[in-house]
Amino acid sequence: ADGKTKKASFMRNAGRYAYAKTEDYEAISLPYADDRLSMIVLLPTASGMESAASIDANSITKVVAGLRAKQGTVILPKFRATYETQLNKPLAAMGMPMAFEPNRADFSGMTREAKLFISRVIHKTFVEVTEQGTEAAGVTGTEISVTSVPIDEPFVFKADRPFLYAIRDSQTGLILFAGIMNYPSF
């Protein structure tokens, strides 16, 4: 986004994918073996990266609704992304503040020997994308491809600048993981 460059290892695959291209972005859905989960990759135009940070689950749902099956080539960098945060405050704000208070927490159903309370809740995520598929917090998927005769001009989706990615459940529309890839590392 800032114009700097970085060497990265790319992977390439040709096939039939759900794809869309607008003035603001290119998007593709990369299905996993069970077709229930897919990785949505949203590649903003060079001028659209500033507004990309404001994309939310509703925006991704609209992007997915505009995808159409098309023959093409996908070129993505291999990447690994991690994230860690403490969830004590959000969980307390969602209605369970007493669980974090040593003198008010009640976990007597678990043990009578010690007065328990929750001291920390840590959330860690891990996403790694390679030719073998995606590993995300212990969930592994495998990419599949379908060969067919192209109906129109094949696309080339090349993620060689910052992009957004989301792992999405196609049945519920739930976003399981999401992130912005600025500098691929592997």
C-alpha atoms as a PDB file:
ATOM      1  CA  ALA A   1       0.000   0.000   0.000  1.00  0.00           C
ATOM      2  CA  ASP A   2       2.912   2.367   0.692  1.00  0.00           C
ATOM      3  CA  GLY A   3       4.653   1.534  -2.594  1.00  0.00           C
ATOM      4  CA  LYS A   4       7.397  -0.610  -1.045  1.00  0.00           C
ATOM      5  CA  THR A   5       8.146  -4.003  -2.532  1.00  0.00           C
ATOM      6  CA  LYS A   6       9.060  -7.334  -1.008  1.00  0.00           C
ATOM      7  CA  LYS A   7      10.186 -10.602  -2.573  1.00  0.00           C
ATOM      8  CA  ALA A   8       7.646 -13.363  -2.062  1.00  0.00           C
ATOM      9  CA  SER A   9       7.118 -16.970  -3.134  1.00  0.00           C
ATOM     10  CA  PHE A  10       4.039 -17.288  -5.311  1.00  0.00           C
ATOM     11  CA  MET A  11       1.882 -20.259  -6.201  1.00  0.00           C
ATOM     12  CA  ARG A  12      -0.248 -20.606  -9.310  1.00  0.00           C
ATOM     13  CA  ASN A  13      -3.256 -22.686 -10.261  1.00  0.00           C
ATOM     14  CA  ALA A  14      -5.613 -22.658 -13.223  1.00  0.00           C
ATOM     15  CA  GLY A  15      -9.219 -23.762 -13.049  1.00  0.00           C
ATOM     16  CA  ARG A  16     -12.812 -22.660 -12.816  1.00  0.00           C
ATOM     17  CA  TYR A  17     -13.423 -20.334  -9.875  1.00  0.00           C
ATOM     18  CA  ALA A  18     -16.119 -17.996  -8.617  1.00  0.00           C
ATOM     19  CA  TYR A  19     -14.693 -14.619  -9.689  1.00  0.00           C
ATOM     20  CA  ALA A  20     -15.692 -10.954 -10.007  1.00  0.00           C
ATOM     21  CA  LYS A  21     -14.023  -7.789 -11.231  1.00  0.00           C
ATOM     22  CA  THR A  22     -15.323  -4.262 -10.652  1.00  0.00           C
ATOM     23  CA  GLU A  23     -13.837  -0.770 -10.764  1.00  0.00           C
ATOM     24  CA  ASP A  24     -12.875  -1.117  -7.094  1.00  0.00           C
ATOM     25  CA  TYR A  25     -11.636  -4.688  -6.759  1.00  0.00           C
ATOM     26  CA  GLU A  26     -11.120  -8.200  -8.066  1.00  0.00           C
ATOM     27  CA  ALA A  27     -12.420 -11.062  -5.929  1.00  0.00           C
ATOM     28  CA  ILE A  28     -12.183 -14.816  -6.020  1.00  0.00           C
ATOM     29  CA  SER A  29     -13.494 -17.706  -3.973  1.00  0.00           C
ATOM     30  CA  LEU A  30     -11.121 -20.630  -3.482  1.00  0.00           C
ATOM     31  CA  PRO A  31     -13.144 -23.638  -2.286  1.00  0.00           C
ATOM     32  CA  TYR A  32     -11.875 -26.266   0.094  1.00  0.00           C
ATOM     33  CA  ALA A  33     -12.390 -29.991  -0.447  1.00  0.00           C
ATOM     34  CA  ASP A  34     -15.766 -30.159   1.269  1.00  0.00           C
ATOM     35  CA  ASP A  35     -17.126 -27.067  -0.575  1.00  0.00           C
ATOM     36  CA  ARG A  36     -18.539 -25.815   2.723  1.00  0.00           C
ATOM     37  CA  LEU A  37     -15.569 -23.562   3.437  1.00  0.00           C
ATOM     38  CA  SER A  38     -13.816 -21.253   1.032  1.00  0.00           C
ATOM     39  CA  MET A  39     -11.189 -18.571   1.117  1.00  0.00           C
ATOM     40  CA  ILE A  40     -12.435 -15.288  -0.307  1.00  0.00           C
ATOM     41  CA  VAL A  41      -9.597 -13.105  -1.584  1.00  0.00           C
ATOM     42  CA  LEU A  42     -10.422  -9.468  -2.284  1.00  0.00           C
ATOM     43  CA  LEU A  43      -7.797  -7.564  -4.256  1.00  0.00           C
ATOM     44  CA  PRO A  44      -8.581  -3.826  -4.185  1.00  0.00           C
ATOM     45  CA  THR A  45      -7.503  -1.696  -7.107  1.00  0.00           C
ATOM     46  CA  ALA A  46      -4.271   0.168  -6.443  1.00  0.00           C
ATOM     47  CA  SER A  47      -6.273   3.275  -5.493  1.00  0.00           C
ATOM     48  CA  GLY A  48      -8.820   1.394  -3.378  1.00  0.00           C
ATOM     49  CA  MET A  49      -6.621   0.050  -0.583  1.00  0.00           C
ATOM     50  CA  GLU A  50      -7.449   2.898   1.846  1.00  0.00           C
ATOM     51  CA  SER A  51     -11.140   1.950   1.853  1.00  0.00           C
ATOM     52  CA  ALA A  52     -10.325  -1.774   2.136  1.00  0.00           C
ATOM     53  CA  ALA A  53      -9.780  -1.545   5.895  1.00  0.00           C
ATOM     54  CA  SER A  54     -13.462  -0.608   6.341  1.00  0.00           C
ATOM     55  CA  ILE A  55     -14.710  -3.831   4.733  1.00  0.00           C
ATOM     56  CA  ASP A  56     -16.857  -5.875   7.103  1.00  0.00           C
ATOM     57  CA  ALA A  57     -18.836  -9.149   6.995  1.00  0.00           C
ATOM     58  CA  ASN A  58     -21.725  -7.459   5.139  1.00  0.00           C
ATOM     59  CA  SER A  59     -19.321  -6.150   2.496  1.00  0.00           C
ATOM     60  CA  ILE A  60     -17.882  -9.631   2.011  1.00  0.00           C
ATOM     61  CA  THR A  61     -21.414 -11.063   1.678  1.00  0.00           C
ATOM     62  CA  LYS A  62     -22.131  -8.545  -1.117  1.00  0.00           C
ATOM     63  CA  VAL A  63     -18.850  -9.430  -2.841  1.00  0.00           C
ATOM     64  CA  VAL A  64     -19.677 -13.157  -2.651  1.00  0.00           C
ATOM     65  CA  ALA A  65     -23.140 -12.500  -4.141  1.00  0.00           C
ATOM     66  CA  GLY A  66     -21.447 -10.948  -7.195  1.00  0.00           C
ATOM     67  CA  LEU A  67     -19.086 -13.859  -7.892  1.00  0.00           C
ATOM     68  CA  ARG A  68     -19.658 -15.903 -11.067  1.00  0.00           C
ATOM     69  CA  ALA A  69     -17.959 -19.121 -12.214  1.00  0.00           C
ATOM     70  CA  LYS A  70     -15.245 -18.382 -14.744  1.00  0.00           C
ATOM     71  CA  GLN A  71     -12.114 -20.040 -16.085  1.00  0.00           C
ATOM     72  CA  GLY A  72      -8.851 -18.407 -15.088  1.00  0.00           C
ATOM     73  CA  THR A  73      -5.507 -18.456 -13.341  1.00  0.00           C
ATOM     74  CA  VAL A  74      -4.931 -17.580  -9.696  1.00  0.00           C
ATOM     75  CA  ILE A  75      -1.524 -16.368  -8.549  1.00  0.00           C
ATOM     76  CA  LEU A  76      -1.184 -15.898  -4.785  1.00  0.00           C
ATOM     77  CA  PRO A  77       1.770 -15.478  -2.484  1.00  0.00           C
ATOM     78  CA  LYS A  78       2.389 -18.178   0.073  1.00  0.00           C
ATOM     79  CA  PHE A  79       1.801 -16.581   3.441  1.00  0.00           C
ATOM     80  CA  ARG A  80       1.546 -17.130   7.155  1.00  0.00           C
ATOM     81  CA  ALA A  81      -0.342 -14.802   9.485  1.00  0.00           C
ATOM     82  CA  THR A  82      -0.761 -14.920  13.259  1.00  0.00           C
ATOM     83  CA  TYR A  83      -2.768 -12.819  15.679  1.00  0.00           C
ATOM     84  CA  GLU A  84      -3.080 -12.809  19.452  1.00  0.00           C
ATOM     85  CA  THR A  85      -5.298 -10.796  21.766  1.00  0.00           C
ATOM     86  CA  GLN A  86      -6.637 -10.959  25.298  1.00  0.00           C
ATOM     87  CA  LEU A  87     -10.444 -11.294  25.541  1.00  0.00           C
ATOM     88  CA  ASN A  88     -11.062 -10.477  29.227  1.00  0.00           C
ATOM     89  CA  LYS A  89     -12.581  -7.026  28.578  1.00  0.00           C
ATOM     90  CA  PRO A  90     -14.736  -8.021  25.580  1.00  0.00           C
ATOM     91  CA  LEU A  91     -16.104 -11.074  27.427  1.00  0.00           C
ATOM     92  CA  ALA A  92     -16.830  -9.009  30.540  1.00  0.00           C
ATOM     93  CA  ALA A  93     -18.616  -6.421  28.359  1.00  0.00           C
ATOM     94  CA  MET A  94     -20.676  -9.212  26.773  1.00  0.00           C
ATOM     95  CA  GLY A  95     -22.146 -10.128  30.156  1.00  0.00           C
ATOM     96  CA  MET A  96     -19.729 -12.222  32.180  1.00  0.00           C
ATOM     97  CA  PRO A  97     -17.768  -9.717  34.310  1.00  0.00           C
ATOM     98  CA  MET A  98     -18.039 -11.702  37.561  1.00  0.00           C
ATOM     99  CA  ALA A  99     -16.105 -14.634  36.075  1.00  0.00           C
ATOM    100  CA  PHE A 100     -12.976 -12.433  36.109  1.00  0.00           C
ATOM    101  CA  GLU A 101     -13.400 -11.149  39.679  1.00  0.00           C
ATOM    102  CA  PRO A 102     -11.583 -13.290  42.311  1.00  0.00           C
ATOM    103  CA  ASN A 103     -14.096 -12.582  45.087  1.00  0.00           C
ATOM    104  CA  ARG A 104     -17.285 -12.840  43.006  1.00  0.00           C
ATOM    105  CA  ALA A 105     -16.674 -15.651  40.501  1.00  0.00           C
ATOM    106  CA  ASP A 106     -18.629 -18.827  41.200  1.00  0.00           C
ATOM    107  CA  PHE A 107     -17.153 -21.985  39.737  1.00  0.00           C
ATOM    108  CA  SER A 108     -18.262 -24.149  42.661  1.00  0.00           C
ATOM    109  CA  GLY A 109     -19.771 -26.633  40.210  1.00  0.00           C
ATOM    110  CA  MET A 110     -16.244 -27.462  39.077  1.00  0.00           C
ATOM    111  CA  THR A 111     -14.533 -27.767  42.472  1.00  0.00           C
ATOM    112  CA  ARG A 112     -15.157 -27.034  46.131  1.00  0.00           C
ATOM    113  CA  GLU A 113     -11.461 -27.180  47.057  1.00  0.00           C
ATOM    114  CA  ALA A 114     -10.384 -23.875  45.538  1.00  0.00           C
ATOM    115  CA  LYS A 115     -11.992 -20.522  44.823  1.00  0.00           C
ATOM    116  CA  LEU A 116     -11.646 -20.244  41.044  1.00  0.00           C
ATOM    117  CA  PHE A 117     -11.887 -17.276  38.713  1.00  0.00           C
ATOM    118  CA  ILE A 118     -10.786 -16.617  35.147  1.00  0.00           C
ATOM    119  CA  SER A 119      -7.532 -14.699  35.110  1.00  0.00           C
ATOM    120  CA  ARG A 120      -7.011 -14.452  31.344  1.00  0.00           C
ATOM    121  CA  VAL A 121      -8.629 -15.512  28.109  1.00  0.00           C
ATOM    122  CA  ILE A 122      -6.200 -15.445  25.204  1.00  0.00           C
ATOM    123  CA  HIS A 123      -7.324 -15.788  21.610  1.00  0.00           C
ATOM    124  CA  LYS A 124      -4.699 -16.862  19.067  1.00  0.00           C
ATOM    125  CA  THR A 125      -5.228 -17.402  15.382  1.00  0.00           C
ATOM    126  CA  PHE A 126      -2.944 -18.856  12.792  1.00  0.00           C
ATOM    127  CA  VAL A 127      -3.454 -18.996   9.042  1.00  0.00           C
ATOM    128  CA  GLU A 128      -0.959 -20.481   6.604  1.00  0.00           C
ATOM    129  CA  VAL A 129      -1.592 -20.675   2.862  1.00  0.00           C
ATOM    130  CA  THR A 130       0.572 -22.907   0.636  1.00  0.00           C
ATOM    131  CA  GLU A 131       0.119 -25.144  -2.404  1.00  0.00           C
ATOM    132  CA  GLN A 132      -1.000 -27.921  -0.056  1.00  0.00           C
ATOM    133  CA  GLY A 133      -3.938 -25.831   1.146  1.00  0.00           C
ATOM    134  CA  THR A 134      -4.757 -23.684   4.127  1.00  0.00           C
ATOM    135  CA  GLU A 135      -4.113 -24.512   7.743  1.00  0.00           C
ATOM    136  CA  ALA A 136      -6.091 -22.350  10.124  1.00  0.00           C
ATOM    137  CA  ALA A 137      -6.074 -23.025  13.848  1.00  0.00           C
ATOM    138  CA  GLY A 138      -5.780 -26.753  13.232  1.00  0.00           C
ATOM    139  CA  VAL A 139      -8.366 -26.882  10.430  1.00  0.00           C
ATOM    140  CA  THR A 140      -6.815 -28.071   7.181  1.00  0.00           C
ATOM    141  CA  GLY A 141      -8.407 -27.759   3.745  1.00  0.00           C
ATOM    142  CA  THR A 142      -7.297 -28.847   0.308  1.00  0.00           C
ATOM    143  CA  GLU A 143      -7.758 -26.926  -2.899  1.00  0.00           C
ATOM    144  CA  ILE A 144      -9.582 -28.640  -5.762  1.00  0.00           C
ATOM    145  CA  SER A 145      -9.741 -27.661  -9.415  1.00  0.00           C
ATOM    146  CA  VAL A 146     -12.174 -28.437 -12.197  1.00  0.00           C
ATOM    147  CA  THR A 147     -11.104 -28.408 -15.829  1.00  0.00           C
ATOM    148  CA  SER A 148     -13.602 -27.270 -18.421  1.00  0.00           C
ATOM    149  CA  VAL A 149     -13.793 -25.506 -21.773  1.00  0.00           C
ATOM    150  CA  PRO A 150     -13.661 -21.719 -21.286  1.00  0.00           C
ATOM    151  CA  ILE A 151     -16.773 -19.833 -22.352  1.00  0.00           C
ATOM    152  CA  ASP A 152     -15.192 -16.391 -22.325  1.00  0.00           C
ATOM    153  CA  GLU A 153     -11.775 -14.833 -21.917  1.00  0.00           C
ATOM    154  CA  PRO A 154      -9.977 -16.418 -18.935  1.00  0.00           C
ATOM    155  CA  PHE A 155      -9.025 -14.104 -16.089  1.00  0.00           C
ATOM    156  CA  VAL A 156      -5.673 -13.787 -14.350  1.00  0.00           C
ATOM    157  CA  PHE A 157      -6.022 -12.994 -10.657  1.00  0.00           C
ATOM    158  CA  LYS A 158      -2.587 -11.939  -9.429  1.00  0.00           C
ATOM    159  CA  ALA A 159      -2.345 -10.868  -5.783  1.00  0.00           C
ATOM    160  CA  ASP A 160       0.912  -8.941  -6.088  1.00  0.00           C
ATOM    161  CA  ARG A 161      -0.159  -6.075  -3.832  1.00  0.00           C
ATOM    162  CA  PRO A 162      -1.982  -5.900  -0.463  1.00  0.00           C
ATOM    163  CA  PHE A 163      -5.224  -7.893  -0.332  1.00  0.00           C
ATOM    164  CA  LEU A 164      -7.925  -8.994   2.072  1.00  0.00           C
ATOM    165  CA  TYR A 165      -8.712 -12.615   2.787  1.00  0.00           C
ATOM    166  CA  ALA A 166     -11.472 -14.333   4.695  1.00  0.00           C
ATOM    167  CA  ILE A 167     -12.242 -17.975   5.380  1.00  0.00           C
ATOM    168  CA  ARG A 168     -16.022 -18.232   5.080  1.00  0.00           C
ATOM    169  CA  ASP A 169     -18.609 -20.914   5.818  1.00  0.00           C
ATOM    170  CA  SER A 170     -20.791 -21.009   2.686  1.00  0.00           C
ATOM    171  CA  GLN A 171     -23.787 -22.514   4.506  1.00  0.00           C
ATOM    172  CA  THR A 172     -24.014 -19.945   7.285  1.00  0.00           C
ATOM    173  CA  GLY A 173     -22.116 -17.016   5.729  1.00  0.00           C
ATOM    174  CA  LEU A 174     -20.038 -16.850   8.923  1.00  0.00           C
ATOM    175  CA  ILE A 175     -16.518 -15.427   8.564  1.00  0.00           C
ATOM    176  CA  LEU A 176     -14.199 -17.725  10.536  1.00  0.00           C
ATOM    177  CA  PHE A 177     -10.952 -15.831   9.884  1.00  0.00           C
ATOM    178  CA  ALA A 178     -10.213 -12.539   8.179  1.00  0.00           C
ATOM    179  CA  GLY A 179      -7.165 -10.414   7.611  1.00  0.00           C
ATOM    180  CA  ILE A 180      -5.282  -8.018   5.392  1.00  0.00           C
ATOM    181  CA  MET A 181      -2.054  -9.265   3.841  1.00  0.00           C
ATOM    182  CA  ASN A 182       0.384  -6.399   3.374  1.00  0.00           C
ATOM    183  CA  TYR A 183       3.732  -8.175   3.417  1.00  0.00           C
ATOM    184  CA  PRO A 184       3.610 -11.954   2.870  1.00  0.00           C
ATOM    185  CA  SER A 185       5.985 -13.904   5.064  1.00  0.00           C
ATOM    186  CA  PHE A 186       6.776 -17.554   4.830  1.00  0.00           C
END
